[in-house]
Amino acid sequence: MKATATQQQVDIEKLERSREETIEDMEHLRLELRNMAEPSADEADIDAYEREKTFALIQTLERKLDSIKHALRMAQNGTYGICENCSTRIDPARLEILPEATLCLECQRQKERRNRRRF
């Protein structure tokens, strides 16, 4: 079920754009974090909340970047768009919304259920 060379190139270009956008978003948030003023006594709670929120967003983007890099490796070897778990084709609409997806929707749901049970 390998992708054609043309489709493979399109997939790689789409993932590269997503990668670049994610890196830009991370850089913007890191700059924002550096530019946050030192909190005064009255603003400490609000600033701490904003810092924590920004840290959480950066961590989310770092995980997304890791997922994009993984999907890029799959695209380069021609297996992008095929579920890593069950080997079925991932719905193109899912890939359009979430280009870094490497699991079909059903396998993703099962993974999330397993993760919820652990916590």
PDB file of N, CA and C in Angstrom:
ATOM      1  N   MET A   1       0.816  -1.193   0.000  1.00  0.00           N
ATOM      2  CA  MET A   1       0.000   0.000   0.000  1.00  0.00           C
ATOM      3  C   MET A   1       0.857   1.254   0.000  1.00  0.00           C
ATOM      4  N   LYS A   2       1.958   1.240  -0.702  1.00  0.00           N
ATOM      5  CA  LYS A   2       2.824   2.413  -0.749  1.00  0.00           C
ATOM      6  C   LYS A   2       2.214   3.494  -1.617  1.00  0.00           C
ATOM      7  N   ALA A   3       2.490   4.750  -1.272  1.00  0.00           N
ATOM      8  CA  ALA A   3       1.975   5.899  -2.009  1.00  0.00           C
ATOM      9  C   ALA A   3       2.756   6.085  -3.302  1.00  0.00           C
ATOM     10  N   THR A   4       2.105   6.696  -4.302  1.00  0.00           N
ATOM     11  CA  THR A   4       2.810   7.014  -5.544  1.00  0.00           C
ATOM     12  C   THR A   4       3.838   8.093  -5.238  1.00  0.00           C
ATOM     13  N   ALA A   5       4.834   8.225  -6.130  1.00  0.00           N
ATOM     14  CA  ALA A   5       5.897   9.210  -5.909  1.00  0.00           C
ATOM     15  C   ALA A   5       5.321  10.622  -5.827  1.00  0.00           C
ATOM     16  N   THR A   6       4.346  10.940  -6.675  1.00  0.00           N
ATOM     17  CA  THR A   6       3.741  12.277  -6.664  1.00  0.00           C
ATOM     18  C   THR A   6       3.003  12.521  -5.357  1.00  0.00           C
ATOM     19  N   GLN A   7       2.178  11.571  -4.927  1.00  0.00           N
ATOM     20  CA  GLN A   7       1.437  11.717  -3.673  1.00  0.00           C
ATOM     21  C   GLN A   7       2.394  11.794  -2.500  1.00  0.00           C
ATOM     22  N   GLN A   8       3.441  11.009  -2.550  1.00  0.00           N
ATOM     23  CA  GLN A   8       4.439  11.017  -1.481  1.00  0.00           C
ATOM     24  C   GLN A   8       5.063  12.418  -1.362  1.00  0.00           C
ATOM     25  N   GLN A   9       5.371  13.054  -2.492  1.00  0.00           N
ATOM     26  CA  GLN A   9       5.949  14.396  -2.467  1.00  0.00           C
ATOM     27  C   GLN A   9       4.953  15.409  -1.897  1.00  0.00           C
ATOM     28  N   VAL A  10       3.679  15.294  -2.287  1.00  0.00           N
ATOM     29  CA  VAL A  10       2.632  16.178  -1.760  1.00  0.00           C
ATOM     30  C   VAL A  10       2.525  16.011  -0.244  1.00  0.00           C
ATOM     31  N   ASP A  11       2.530  14.767   0.211  1.00  0.00           N
ATOM     32  CA  ASP A  11       2.451  14.494   1.647  1.00  0.00           C
ATOM     33  C   ASP A  11       3.634  15.116   2.385  1.00  0.00           C
ATOM     34  N   ILE A  12       4.822  14.954   1.836  1.00  0.00           N
ATOM     35  CA  ILE A  12       6.026  15.502   2.470  1.00  0.00           C
ATOM     36  C   ILE A  12       5.946  17.027   2.527  1.00  0.00           C
ATOM     37  N   GLU A  13       5.509  17.647   1.435  1.00  0.00           N
ATOM     38  CA  GLU A  13       5.394  19.111   1.410  1.00  0.00           C
ATOM     39  C   GLU A  13       4.373  19.599   2.442  1.00  0.00           C
ATOM     40  N   LYS A  14       3.243  18.896   2.553  1.00  0.00           N
ATOM     41  CA  LYS A  14       2.216  19.269   3.528  1.00  0.00           C
ATOM     42  C   LYS A  14       2.764  19.151   4.950  1.00  0.00           C
ATOM     43  N   LEU A  15       3.469  18.082   5.222  1.00  0.00           N
ATOM     44  CA  LEU A  15       4.037  17.889   6.558  1.00  0.00           C
ATOM     45  C   LEU A  15       5.135  18.912   6.845  1.00  0.00           C
ATOM     46  N   GLU A  16       5.932  19.235   5.836  1.00  0.00           N
ATOM     47  CA  GLU A  16       6.978  20.252   6.016  1.00  0.00           C
ATOM     48  C   GLU A  16       6.357  21.606   6.354  1.00  0.00           C
ATOM     49  N   ARG A  17       5.261  21.968   5.671  1.00  0.00           N
ATOM     50  CA  ARG A  17       4.570  23.230   5.985  1.00  0.00           C
ATOM     51  C   ARG A  17       4.048  23.207   7.419  1.00  0.00           C
ATOM     52  N   SER A  18       3.456  22.096   7.813  1.00  0.00           N
ATOM     53  CA  SER A  18       2.937  21.962   9.176  1.00  0.00           C
ATOM     54  C   SER A  18       4.083  22.067  10.186  1.00  0.00           C
ATOM     55  N   ARG A  19       5.208  21.458   9.868  1.00  0.00           N
ATOM     56  CA  ARG A  19       6.390  21.510  10.728  1.00  0.00           C
ATOM     57  C   ARG A  19       6.862  22.951  10.890  1.00  0.00           C
ATOM     58  N   GLU A  20       6.972  23.672   9.775  1.00  0.00           N
ATOM     59  CA  GLU A  20       7.419  25.064   9.824  1.00  0.00           C
ATOM     60  C   GLU A  20       6.449  25.943  10.624  1.00  0.00           C
ATOM     61  N   GLU A  21       5.152  25.763  10.421  1.00  0.00           N
ATOM     62  CA  GLU A  21       4.148  26.534  11.161  1.00  0.00           C
ATOM     63  C   GLU A  21       4.246  26.250  12.659  1.00  0.00           C
ATOM     64  N   THR A  22       4.449  25.000  13.009  1.00  0.00           N
ATOM     65  CA  THR A  22       4.559  24.622  14.420  1.00  0.00           C
ATOM     66  C   THR A  22       5.808  25.240  15.041  1.00  0.00           C
ATOM     67  N   ILE A  23       6.917  25.217  14.319  1.00  0.00           N
ATOM     68  CA  ILE A  23       8.159  25.825  14.820  1.00  0.00           C
ATOM     69  C   ILE A  23       7.962  27.329  15.005  1.00  0.00           C
ATOM     70  N   GLU A  24       7.315  27.975  14.050  1.00  0.00           N
ATOM     71  CA  GLU A  24       7.039  29.415  14.168  1.00  0.00           C
ATOM     72  C   GLU A  24       6.171  29.707  15.385  1.00  0.00           C
ATOM     73  N   ASP A  25       5.144  28.892  15.596  1.00  0.00           N
ATOM     74  CA  ASP A  25       4.272  29.080  16.759  1.00  0.00           C
ATOM     75  C   ASP A  25       5.053  28.924  18.061  1.00  0.00           C
ATOM     76  N   MET A  26       5.935  27.923  18.113  1.00  0.00           N
ATOM     77  CA  MET A  26       6.744  27.705  19.314  1.00  0.00           C
ATOM     78  C   MET A  26       7.680  28.880  19.556  1.00  0.00           C
ATOM     79  N   GLU A  27       8.316  29.370  18.497  1.00  0.00           N
ATOM     80  CA  GLU A  27       9.228  30.504  18.638  1.00  0.00           C
ATOM     81  C   GLU A  27       8.477  31.740  19.123  1.00  0.00           C
ATOM     82  N   HIS A  28       7.288  31.950  18.587  1.00  0.00           N
ATOM     83  CA  HIS A  28       6.466  33.091  19.013  1.00  0.00           C
ATOM     84  C   HIS A  28       6.133  32.990  20.505  1.00  0.00           C
ATOM     85  N   LEU A  29       5.719  31.799  20.943  1.00  0.00           N
ATOM     86  CA  LEU A  29       5.374  31.619  22.355  1.00  0.00           C
ATOM     87  C   LEU A  29       6.599  31.766  23.258  1.00  0.00           C
ATOM     88  N   ARG A  30       7.737  31.258  22.810  1.00  0.00           N
ATOM     89  CA  ARG A  30       8.959  31.396  23.621  1.00  0.00           C
ATOM     90  C   ARG A  30       9.361  32.866  23.742  1.00  0.00           C
ATOM     91  N   LEU A  31       9.233  33.607  22.659  1.00  0.00           N
ATOM     92  CA  LEU A  31       9.520  35.034  22.691  1.00  0.00           C
ATOM     93  C   LEU A  31       8.551  35.752  23.635  1.00  0.00           C
ATOM     94  N   GLU A  32       7.290  35.389  23.541  1.00  0.00           N
ATOM     95  CA  GLU A  32       6.272  35.963  24.423  1.00  0.00           C
ATOM     96  C   GLU A  32       6.607  35.692  25.885  1.00  0.00           C
ATOM     97  N   LEU A  33       7.048  34.488  26.158  1.00  0.00           N
ATOM     98  CA  LEU A  33       7.416  34.104  27.524  1.00  0.00           C
ATOM     99  C   LEU A  33       8.604  34.938  28.016  1.00  0.00           C
ATOM    100  N   ARG A  34       9.604  35.124  27.153  1.00  0.00           N
ATOM    101  CA  ARG A  34      10.768  35.926  27.543  1.00  0.00           C
ATOM    102  C   ARG A  34      10.390  37.389  27.777  1.00  0.00           C
ATOM    103  N   ASN A  35       9.402  37.865  27.032  1.00  0.00           N
ATOM    104  CA  ASN A  35       9.020  39.271  27.132  1.00  0.00           C
ATOM    105  C   ASN A  35       8.013  39.565  28.235  1.00  0.00           C
ATOM    106  N   MET A  36       7.549  38.550  28.925  1.00  0.00           N
ATOM    107  CA  MET A  36       6.610  38.793  30.019  1.00  0.00           C
ATOM    108  C   MET A  36       7.329  39.553  31.121  1.00  0.00           C
ATOM    109  N   ALA A  37       6.687  40.603  31.610  1.00  0.00           N
ATOM    110  CA  ALA A  37       7.275  41.426  32.678  1.00  0.00           C
ATOM    111  C   ALA A  37       7.337  40.629  33.969  1.00  0.00           C
ATOM    112  N   GLU A  38       8.286  41.005  34.776  1.00  0.00           N
ATOM    113  CA  GLU A  38       8.360  40.388  36.104  1.00  0.00           C
ATOM    114  C   GLU A  38       7.106  40.789  36.874  1.00  0.00           C
ATOM    115  N   PRO A  39       6.477  39.851  37.534  1.00  0.00           N
ATOM    116  CA  PRO A  39       5.221  40.168  38.217  1.00  0.00           C
ATOM    117  C   PRO A  39       5.428  41.050  39.443  1.00  0.00           C
ATOM    118  N   SER A  40       4.484  41.957  39.630  1.00  0.00           N
ATOM    119  CA  SER A  40       4.451  42.721  40.884  1.00  0.00           C
ATOM    120  C   SER A  40       3.666  41.880  41.887  1.00  0.00           C
ATOM    121  N   ALA A  41       3.613  42.319  43.122  1.00  0.00           N
ATOM    122  CA  ALA A  41       2.897  41.544  44.143  1.00  0.00           C
ATOM    123  C   ALA A  41       1.432  41.365  43.781  1.00  0.00           C
ATOM    124  N   ASP A  42       0.821  42.380  43.204  1.00  0.00           N
ATOM    125  CA  ASP A  42      -0.601  42.310  42.854  1.00  0.00           C
ATOM    126  C   ASP A  42      -0.861  41.435  41.633  1.00  0.00           C
ATOM    127  N   GLU A  43       0.121  41.339  40.766  1.00  0.00           N
ATOM    128  CA  GLU A  43      -0.089  40.627  39.501  1.00  0.00           C
ATOM    129  C   GLU A  43       0.479  39.222  39.509  1.00  0.00           C
ATOM    130  N   ALA A  44       1.077  38.808  40.593  1.00  0.00           N
ATOM    131  CA  ALA A  44       1.793  37.533  40.631  1.00  0.00           C
ATOM    132  C   ALA A  44       0.927  36.358  40.208  1.00  0.00           C
ATOM    133  N   ASP A  45      -0.274  36.257  40.731  1.00  0.00           N
ATOM    134  CA  ASP A  45      -1.131  35.117  40.408  1.00  0.00           C
ATOM    135  C   ASP A  45      -1.515  35.093  38.941  1.00  0.00           C
ATOM    136  N   ILE A  46      -1.864  36.238  38.391  1.00  0.00           N
ATOM    137  CA  ILE A  46      -2.259  36.308  36.981  1.00  0.00           C
ATOM    138  C   ILE A  46      -1.070  35.986  36.090  1.00  0.00           C
ATOM    139  N   ASP A  47       0.096  36.559  36.396  1.00  0.00           N
ATOM    140  CA  ASP A  47       1.285  36.298  35.588  1.00  0.00           C
ATOM    141  C   ASP A  47       1.720  34.842  35.676  1.00  0.00           C
ATOM    142  N   ALA A  48       1.641  34.276  36.858  1.00  0.00           N
ATOM    143  CA  ALA A  48       2.011  32.865  37.014  1.00  0.00           C
ATOM    144  C   ALA A  48       1.090  31.992  36.180  1.00  0.00           C
ATOM    145  N   TYR A  49      -0.195  32.306  36.195  1.00  0.00           N
ATOM    146  CA  TYR A  49      -1.157  31.560  35.392  1.00  0.00           C
ATOM    147  C   TYR A  49      -0.819  31.684  33.904  1.00  0.00           C
ATOM    148  N   GLU A  50      -0.530  32.890  33.444  1.00  0.00           N
ATOM    149  CA  GLU A  50      -0.198  33.112  32.035  1.00  0.00           C
ATOM    150  C   GLU A  50       1.081  32.371  31.644  1.00  0.00           C
ATOM    151  N   ARG A  51       2.076  32.391  32.526  1.00  0.00           N
ATOM    152  CA  ARG A  51       3.328  31.673  32.251  1.00  0.00           C
ATOM    153  C   ARG A  51       3.071  30.168  32.141  1.00  0.00           C
ATOM    154  N   GLU A  52       2.321  29.635  33.094  1.00  0.00           N
ATOM    155  CA  GLU A  52       2.008  28.200  33.072  1.00  0.00           C
ATOM    156  C   GLU A  52       1.239  27.823  31.804  1.00  0.00           C
ATOM    157  N   LYS A  53       0.298  28.662  31.427  1.00  0.00           N
ATOM    158  CA  LYS A  53      -0.482  28.409  30.218  1.00  0.00           C
ATOM    159  C   LYS A  53       0.430  28.410  28.990  1.00  0.00           C
ATOM    160  N   THR A  54       1.351  29.379  28.928  1.00  0.00           N
ATOM    161  CA  THR A  54       2.275  29.461  27.798  1.00  0.00           C
ATOM    162  C   THR A  54       3.209  28.261  27.781  1.00  0.00           C
ATOM    163  N   PHE A  55       3.716  27.846  28.951  1.00  0.00           N
ATOM    164  CA  PHE A  55       4.548  26.640  29.036  1.00  0.00           C
ATOM    165  C   PHE A  55       3.786  25.418  28.517  1.00  0.00           C
ATOM    166  N   ALA A  56       2.543  25.285  28.918  1.00  0.00           N
ATOM    167  CA  ALA A  56       1.729  24.144  28.484  1.00  0.00           C
ATOM    168  C   ALA A  56       1.530  24.163  26.965  1.00  0.00           C
ATOM    169  N   LEU A  57       1.304  25.331  26.403  1.00  0.00           N
ATOM    170  CA  LEU A  57       1.156  25.431  24.948  1.00  0.00           C
ATOM    171  C   LEU A  57       2.449  25.043  24.231  1.00  0.00           C
ATOM    172  N   ILE A  58       3.576  25.467  24.754  1.00  0.00           N
ATOM    173  CA  ILE A  58       4.870  25.110  24.161  1.00  0.00           C
ATOM    174  C   ILE A  58       5.068  23.596  24.219  1.00  0.00           C
ATOM    175  N   GLN A  59       4.744  22.990  25.352  1.00  0.00           N
ATOM    176  CA  GLN A  59       4.890  21.532  25.479  1.00  0.00           C
ATOM    177  C   GLN A  59       3.988  20.802  24.489  1.00  0.00           C
ATOM    178  N   THR A  60       2.782  21.297  24.306  1.00  0.00           N
ATOM    179  CA  THR A  60       1.863  20.694  23.337  1.00  0.00           C
ATOM    180  C   THR A  60       2.442  20.803  21.931  1.00  0.00           C
ATOM    181  N   LEU A  61       2.991  21.947  21.599  1.00  0.00           N
ATOM    182  CA  LEU A  61       3.586  22.133  20.274  1.00  0.00           C
ATOM    183  C   LEU A  61       4.833  21.265  20.097  1.00  0.00           C
ATOM    184  N   GLU A  62       5.595  21.051  21.155  1.00  0.00           N
ATOM    185  CA  GLU A  62       6.764  20.168  21.075  1.00  0.00           C
ATOM    186  C   GLU A  62       6.335  18.735  20.766  1.00  0.00           C
ATOM    187  N   ARG A  63       5.252  18.286  21.398  1.00  0.00           N
ATOM    188  CA  ARG A  63       4.732  16.939  21.113  1.00  0.00           C
ATOM    189  C   ARG A  63       4.218  16.859  19.674  1.00  0.00           C
ATOM    190  N   LYS A  64       3.548  17.931  19.233  1.00  0.00           N
ATOM    191  CA  LYS A  64       3.061  17.970  17.857  1.00  0.00           C
ATOM    192  C   LYS A  64       4.238  17.912  16.889  1.00  0.00           C
ATOM    193  N   LEU A  65       5.295  18.642  17.169  1.00  0.00           N
ATOM    194  CA  LEU A  65       6.473  18.630  16.306  1.00  0.00           C
ATOM    195  C   LEU A  65       7.077  17.228  16.225  1.00  0.00           C
ATOM    196  N   ASP A  66       7.147  16.531  17.352  1.00  0.00           N
ATOM    197  CA  ASP A  66       7.638  15.147  17.351  1.00  0.00           C
ATOM    198  C   ASP A  66       6.743  14.268  16.465  1.00  0.00           C
ATOM    199  N   SER A  67       5.439  14.453  16.547  1.00  0.00           N
ATOM    200  CA  SER A  67       4.503  13.684  15.732  1.00  0.00           C
ATOM    201  C   SER A  67       4.684  13.993  14.254  1.00  0.00           C
ATOM    202  N   ILE A  68       4.903  15.248  13.938  1.00  0.00           N
ATOM    203  CA  ILE A  68       5.116  15.642  12.536  1.00  0.00           C
ATOM    204  C   ILE A  68       6.395  15.005  12.007  1.00  0.00           C
ATOM    205  N   LYS A  69       7.459  15.030  12.803  1.00  0.00           N
ATOM    206  CA  LYS A  69       8.727  14.415  12.381  1.00  0.00           C
ATOM    207  C   LYS A  69       8.542  12.923  12.130  1.00  0.00           C
ATOM    208  N   HIS A  70       7.773  12.277  12.988  1.00  0.00           N
ATOM    209  CA  HIS A  70       7.501  10.844  12.812  1.00  0.00           C
ATOM    210  C   HIS A  70       6.712  10.605  11.521  1.00  0.00           C
ATOM    211  N   ALA A  71       5.685  11.426  11.291  1.00  0.00           N
ATOM    212  CA  ALA A  71       4.884  11.297  10.071  1.00  0.00           C
ATOM    213  C   ALA A  71       5.731  11.583   8.834  1.00  0.00           C
ATOM    214  N   LEU A  72       6.673  12.517   8.927  1.00  0.00           N
ATOM    215  CA  LEU A  72       7.578  12.797   7.810  1.00  0.00           C
ATOM    216  C   LEU A  72       8.433  11.583   7.469  1.00  0.00           C
ATOM    217  N   ARG A  73       8.920  10.902   8.490  1.00  0.00           N
ATOM    218  CA  ARG A  73       9.699   9.682   8.238  1.00  0.00           C
ATOM    219  C   ARG A  73       8.836   8.641   7.528  1.00  0.00           C
ATOM    220  N   MET A  74       7.578   8.543   7.945  1.00  0.00           N
ATOM    221  CA  MET A  74       6.665   7.594   7.287  1.00  0.00           C
ATOM    222  C   MET A  74       6.423   8.008   5.832  1.00  0.00           C
ATOM    223  N   ALA A  75       6.264   9.309   5.594  1.00  0.00           N
ATOM    224  CA  ALA A  75       6.039   9.795   4.228  1.00  0.00           C
ATOM    225  C   ALA A  75       7.258   9.513   3.359  1.00  0.00           C
ATOM    226  N   GLN A  76       8.440   9.665   3.916  1.00  0.00           N
ATOM    227  CA  GLN A  76       9.653   9.436   3.146  1.00  0.00           C
ATOM    228  C   GLN A  76       9.840   7.969   2.781  1.00  0.00           C
ATOM    229  N   ASN A  77       9.298   7.062   3.591  1.00  0.00           N
ATOM    230  CA  ASN A  77       9.415   5.648   3.242  1.00  0.00           C
ATOM    231  C   ASN A  77       8.154   5.110   2.566  1.00  0.00           C
ATOM    232  N   GLY A  78       7.196   6.022   2.291  1.00  0.00           N
ATOM    233  CA  GLY A  78       6.016   5.646   1.512  1.00  0.00           C
ATOM    234  C   GLY A  78       4.874   5.026   2.289  1.00  0.00           C
ATOM    235  N   THR A  79       4.918   5.089   3.610  1.00  0.00           N
ATOM    236  CA  THR A  79       3.844   4.475   4.400  1.00  0.00           C
ATOM    237  C   THR A  79       2.940   5.507   5.073  1.00  0.00           C
ATOM    238  N   TYR A  80       3.094   6.766   4.723  1.00  0.00           N
ATOM    239  CA  TYR A  80       2.253   7.820   5.285  1.00  0.00           C
ATOM    240  C   TYR A  80       0.810   7.586   4.847  1.00  0.00           C
ATOM    241  N   GLY A  81      -0.110   7.773   5.781  1.00  0.00           N
ATOM    242  CA  GLY A  81      -1.528   7.585   5.479  1.00  0.00           C
ATOM    243  C   GLY A  81      -2.017   6.176   5.759  1.00  0.00           C
ATOM    244  N   ILE A  82      -1.126   5.337   6.267  1.00  0.00           N
ATOM    245  CA  ILE A  82      -1.483   3.967   6.624  1.00  0.00           C
ATOM    246  C   ILE A  82      -1.331   3.828   8.141  1.00  0.00           C
ATOM    247  N   CYS A  83      -2.371   3.350   8.780  1.00  0.00           N
ATOM    248  CA  CYS A  83      -2.375   3.228  10.234  1.00  0.00           C
ATOM    249  C   CYS A  83      -1.224   2.334  10.705  1.00  0.00           C
ATOM    250  N   GLU A  84      -0.465   2.848  11.660  1.00  0.00           N
ATOM    251  CA  GLU A  84       0.658   2.083  12.215  1.00  0.00           C
ATOM    252  C   GLU A  84       0.201   0.850  12.984  1.00  0.00           C
ATOM    253  N   ASN A  85      -1.016   0.885  13.472  1.00  0.00           N
ATOM    254  CA  ASN A  85      -1.514  -0.196  14.305  1.00  0.00           C
ATOM    255  C   ASN A  85      -2.172  -1.309  13.486  1.00  0.00           C
ATOM    256  N   CYS A  86      -3.140  -0.936  12.644  1.00  0.00           N
ATOM    257  CA  CYS A  86      -3.933  -1.963  11.948  1.00  0.00           C
ATOM    258  C   CYS A  86      -3.674  -2.018  10.442  1.00  0.00           C
ATOM    259  N   SER A  87      -2.829  -1.139   9.939  1.00  0.00           N
ATOM    260  CA  SER A  87      -2.425  -1.114   8.526  1.00  0.00           C
ATOM    261  C   SER A  87      -3.536  -0.761   7.540  1.00  0.00           C
ATOM    262  N   THR A  88      -4.623  -0.174   8.023  1.00  0.00           N
ATOM    263  CA  THR A  88      -5.658   0.290   7.092  1.00  0.00           C
ATOM    264  C   THR A  88      -5.335   1.723   6.693  1.00  0.00           C
ATOM    265  N   ARG A  89      -5.932   2.160   5.601  1.00  0.00           N
ATOM    266  CA  ARG A  89      -5.717   3.525   5.129  1.00  0.00           C
ATOM    267  C   ARG A  89      -6.410   4.503   6.071  1.00  0.00           C
ATOM    268  N   ILE A  90      -5.696   5.546   6.452  1.00  0.00           N
ATOM    269  CA  ILE A  90      -6.264   6.592   7.311  1.00  0.00           C
ATOM    270  C   ILE A  90      -7.135   7.479   6.430  1.00  0.00           C
ATOM    271  N   ASP A  91      -8.312   7.806   6.917  1.00  0.00           N
ATOM    272  CA  ASP A  91      -9.249   8.645   6.182  1.00  0.00           C
ATOM    273  C   ASP A  91      -8.557   9.941   5.745  1.00  0.00           C
ATOM    274  N   PRO A  92      -8.586  10.275   4.448  1.00  0.00           N
ATOM    275  CA  PRO A  92      -7.952  11.503   3.963  1.00  0.00           C
ATOM    276  C   PRO A  92      -8.468  12.762   4.666  1.00  0.00           C
ATOM    277  N   ALA A  93      -9.736  12.774   5.064  1.00  0.00           N
ATOM    278  CA  ALA A  93     -10.280  13.932   5.791  1.00  0.00           C
ATOM    279  C   ALA A  93      -9.564  14.089   7.133  1.00  0.00           C
ATOM    280  N   ARG A  94      -9.244  12.979   7.789  1.00  0.00           N
ATOM    281  CA  ARG A  94      -8.504  13.027   9.061  1.00  0.00           C
ATOM    282  C   ARG A  94      -7.112  13.600   8.824  1.00  0.00           C
ATOM    283  N   LEU A  95      -6.457  13.161   7.749  1.00  0.00           N
ATOM    284  CA  LEU A  95      -5.116  13.657   7.447  1.00  0.00           C
ATOM    285  C   LEU A  95      -5.133  15.127   7.045  1.00  0.00           C
ATOM    286  N   GLU A  96      -6.223  15.562   6.444  1.00  0.00           N
ATOM    287  CA  GLU A  96      -6.338  16.969   6.072  1.00  0.00           C
ATOM    288  C   GLU A  96      -6.390  17.845   7.326  1.00  0.00           C
ATOM    289  N   ILE A  97      -7.111  17.385   8.330  1.00  0.00           N
ATOM    290  CA  ILE A  97      -7.253  18.127   9.579  1.00  0.00           C
ATOM    291  C   ILE A  97      -6.024  17.957  10.469  1.00  0.00           C
ATOM    292  N   LEU A  98      -5.495  16.739  10.498  1.00  0.00           N
ATOM    293  CA  LEU A  98      -4.388  16.393  11.387  1.00  0.00           C
ATOM    294  C   LEU A  98      -3.310  15.672  10.572  1.00  0.00           C
ATOM    295  N   PRO A  99      -2.502  16.419   9.805  1.00  0.00           N
ATOM    296  CA  PRO A  99      -1.543  15.786   8.896  1.00  0.00           C
ATOM    297  C   PRO A  99      -0.556  14.847   9.581  1.00  0.00           C
ATOM    298  N   GLU A 100      -0.316  15.062  10.873  1.00  0.00           N
ATOM    299  CA  GLU A 100       0.654  14.226  11.574  1.00  0.00           C
ATOM    300  C   GLU A 100       0.066  12.922  12.106  1.00  0.00           C
ATOM    301  N   ALA A 101      -1.208  12.674  11.829  1.00  0.00           N
ATOM    302  CA  ALA A 101      -1.849  11.443  12.314  1.00  0.00           C
ATOM    303  C   ALA A 101      -1.176  10.213  11.709  1.00  0.00           C
ATOM    304  N   THR A 102      -0.880   9.250  12.558  1.00  0.00           N
ATOM    305  CA  THR A 102      -0.300   7.982  12.082  1.00  0.00           C
ATOM    306  C   THR A 102      -1.176   6.791  12.482  1.00  0.00           C
ATOM    307  N   LEU A 103      -2.312   7.094  13.120  1.00  0.00           N
ATOM    308  CA  LEU A 103      -3.274   6.059  13.491  1.00  0.00           C
ATOM    309  C   LEU A 103      -4.630   6.413  12.883  1.00  0.00           C
ATOM    310  N   CYS A 104      -5.377   5.396  12.475  1.00  0.00           N
ATOM    311  CA  CYS A 104      -6.740   5.644  12.018  1.00  0.00           C
ATOM    312  C   CYS A 104      -7.568   6.075  13.233  1.00  0.00           C
ATOM    313  N   LEU A 105      -8.744   6.576  12.983  1.00  0.00           N
ATOM    314  CA  LEU A 105      -9.570   7.112  14.062  1.00  0.00           C
ATOM    315  C   LEU A 105      -9.890   6.047  15.114  1.00  0.00           C
ATOM    316  N   GLU A 106     -10.230   4.850  14.680  1.00  0.00           N
ATOM    317  CA  GLU A 106     -10.578   3.790  15.640  1.00  0.00           C
ATOM    318  C   GLU A 106      -9.375   3.409  16.502  1.00  0.00           C
ATOM    319  N   CYS A 107      -8.206   3.257  15.903  1.00  0.00           N
ATOM    320  CA  CYS A 107      -7.013   2.915  16.690  1.00  0.00           C
ATOM    321  C   CYS A 107      -6.626   4.059  17.627  1.00  0.00           C
ATOM    322  N   GLN A 108      -6.821   5.308  17.199  1.00  0.00           N
ATOM    323  CA  GLN A 108      -6.552   6.454  18.056  1.00  0.00           C
ATOM    324  C   GLN A 108      -7.482   6.448  19.259  1.00  0.00           C
ATOM    325  N   ARG A 109      -8.752   6.147  19.026  1.00  0.00           N
ATOM    326  CA  ARG A 109      -9.711   6.072  20.142  1.00  0.00           C
ATOM    327  C   ARG A 109      -9.312   4.992  21.139  1.00  0.00           C
ATOM    328  N   GLN A 110      -8.912   3.833  20.622  1.00  0.00           N
ATOM    329  CA  GLN A 110      -8.494   2.745  21.511  1.00  0.00           C
ATOM    330  C   GLN A 110      -7.273   3.149  22.331  1.00  0.00           C
ATOM    331  N   LYS A 111      -6.331   3.829  21.693  1.00  0.00           N
ATOM    332  CA  LYS A 111      -5.131   4.289  22.393  1.00  0.00           C
ATOM    333  C   LYS A 111      -5.504   5.274  23.499  1.00  0.00           C
ATOM    334  N   GLU A 112      -6.403   6.206  23.196  1.00  0.00           N
ATOM    335  CA  GLU A 112      -6.817   7.192  24.199  1.00  0.00           C
ATOM    336  C   GLU A 112      -7.559   6.530  25.354  1.00  0.00           C
ATOM    337  N   ARG A 113      -8.379   5.512  25.069  1.00  0.00           N
ATOM    338  CA  ARG A 113      -9.072   4.784  26.149  1.00  0.00           C
ATOM    339  C   ARG A 113      -8.067   4.092  27.051  1.00  0.00           C
ATOM    340  N   ARG A 114      -7.063   3.449  26.456  1.00  0.00           N
ATOM    341  CA  ARG A 114      -6.027   2.782  27.252  1.00  0.00           C
ATOM    342  C   ARG A 114      -5.282   3.790  28.123  1.00  0.00           C
ATOM    343  N   ASN A 115      -4.959   4.949  27.542  1.00  0.00           N
ATOM    344  CA  ASN A 115      -4.241   5.987  28.304  1.00  0.00           C
ATOM    345  C   ASN A 115      -5.078   6.521  29.455  1.00  0.00           C
ATOM    346  N   ARG A 116      -6.391   6.679  29.248  1.00  0.00           N
ATOM    347  CA  ARG A 116      -7.267   7.167  30.320  1.00  0.00           C
ATOM    348  C   ARG A 116      -7.347   6.160  31.456  1.00  0.00           C
ATOM    349  N   ARG A 117      -7.350   4.888  31.129  1.00  0.00           N
ATOM    350  CA  ARG A 117      -7.425   3.849  32.175  1.00  0.00           C
ATOM    351  C   ARG A 117      -6.193   3.843  33.052  1.00  0.00           C
ATOM    352  N   ARG A 118      -5.028   4.200  32.463  1.00  0.00           N
ATOM    353  CA  ARG A 118      -3.785   4.239  33.238  1.00  0.00           C
ATOM    354  C   ARG A 118      -3.799   5.324  34.293  1.00  0.00           C
ATOM    355  N   PHE A 119      -4.516   6.393  34.042  1.00  0.00           N
ATOM    356  CA  PHE A 119      -4.517   7.528  34.976  1.00  0.00           C
ATOM    357  C   PHE A 119      -5.729   7.493  35.783  1.00  0.00           C
TER     358      PHE A 119
END
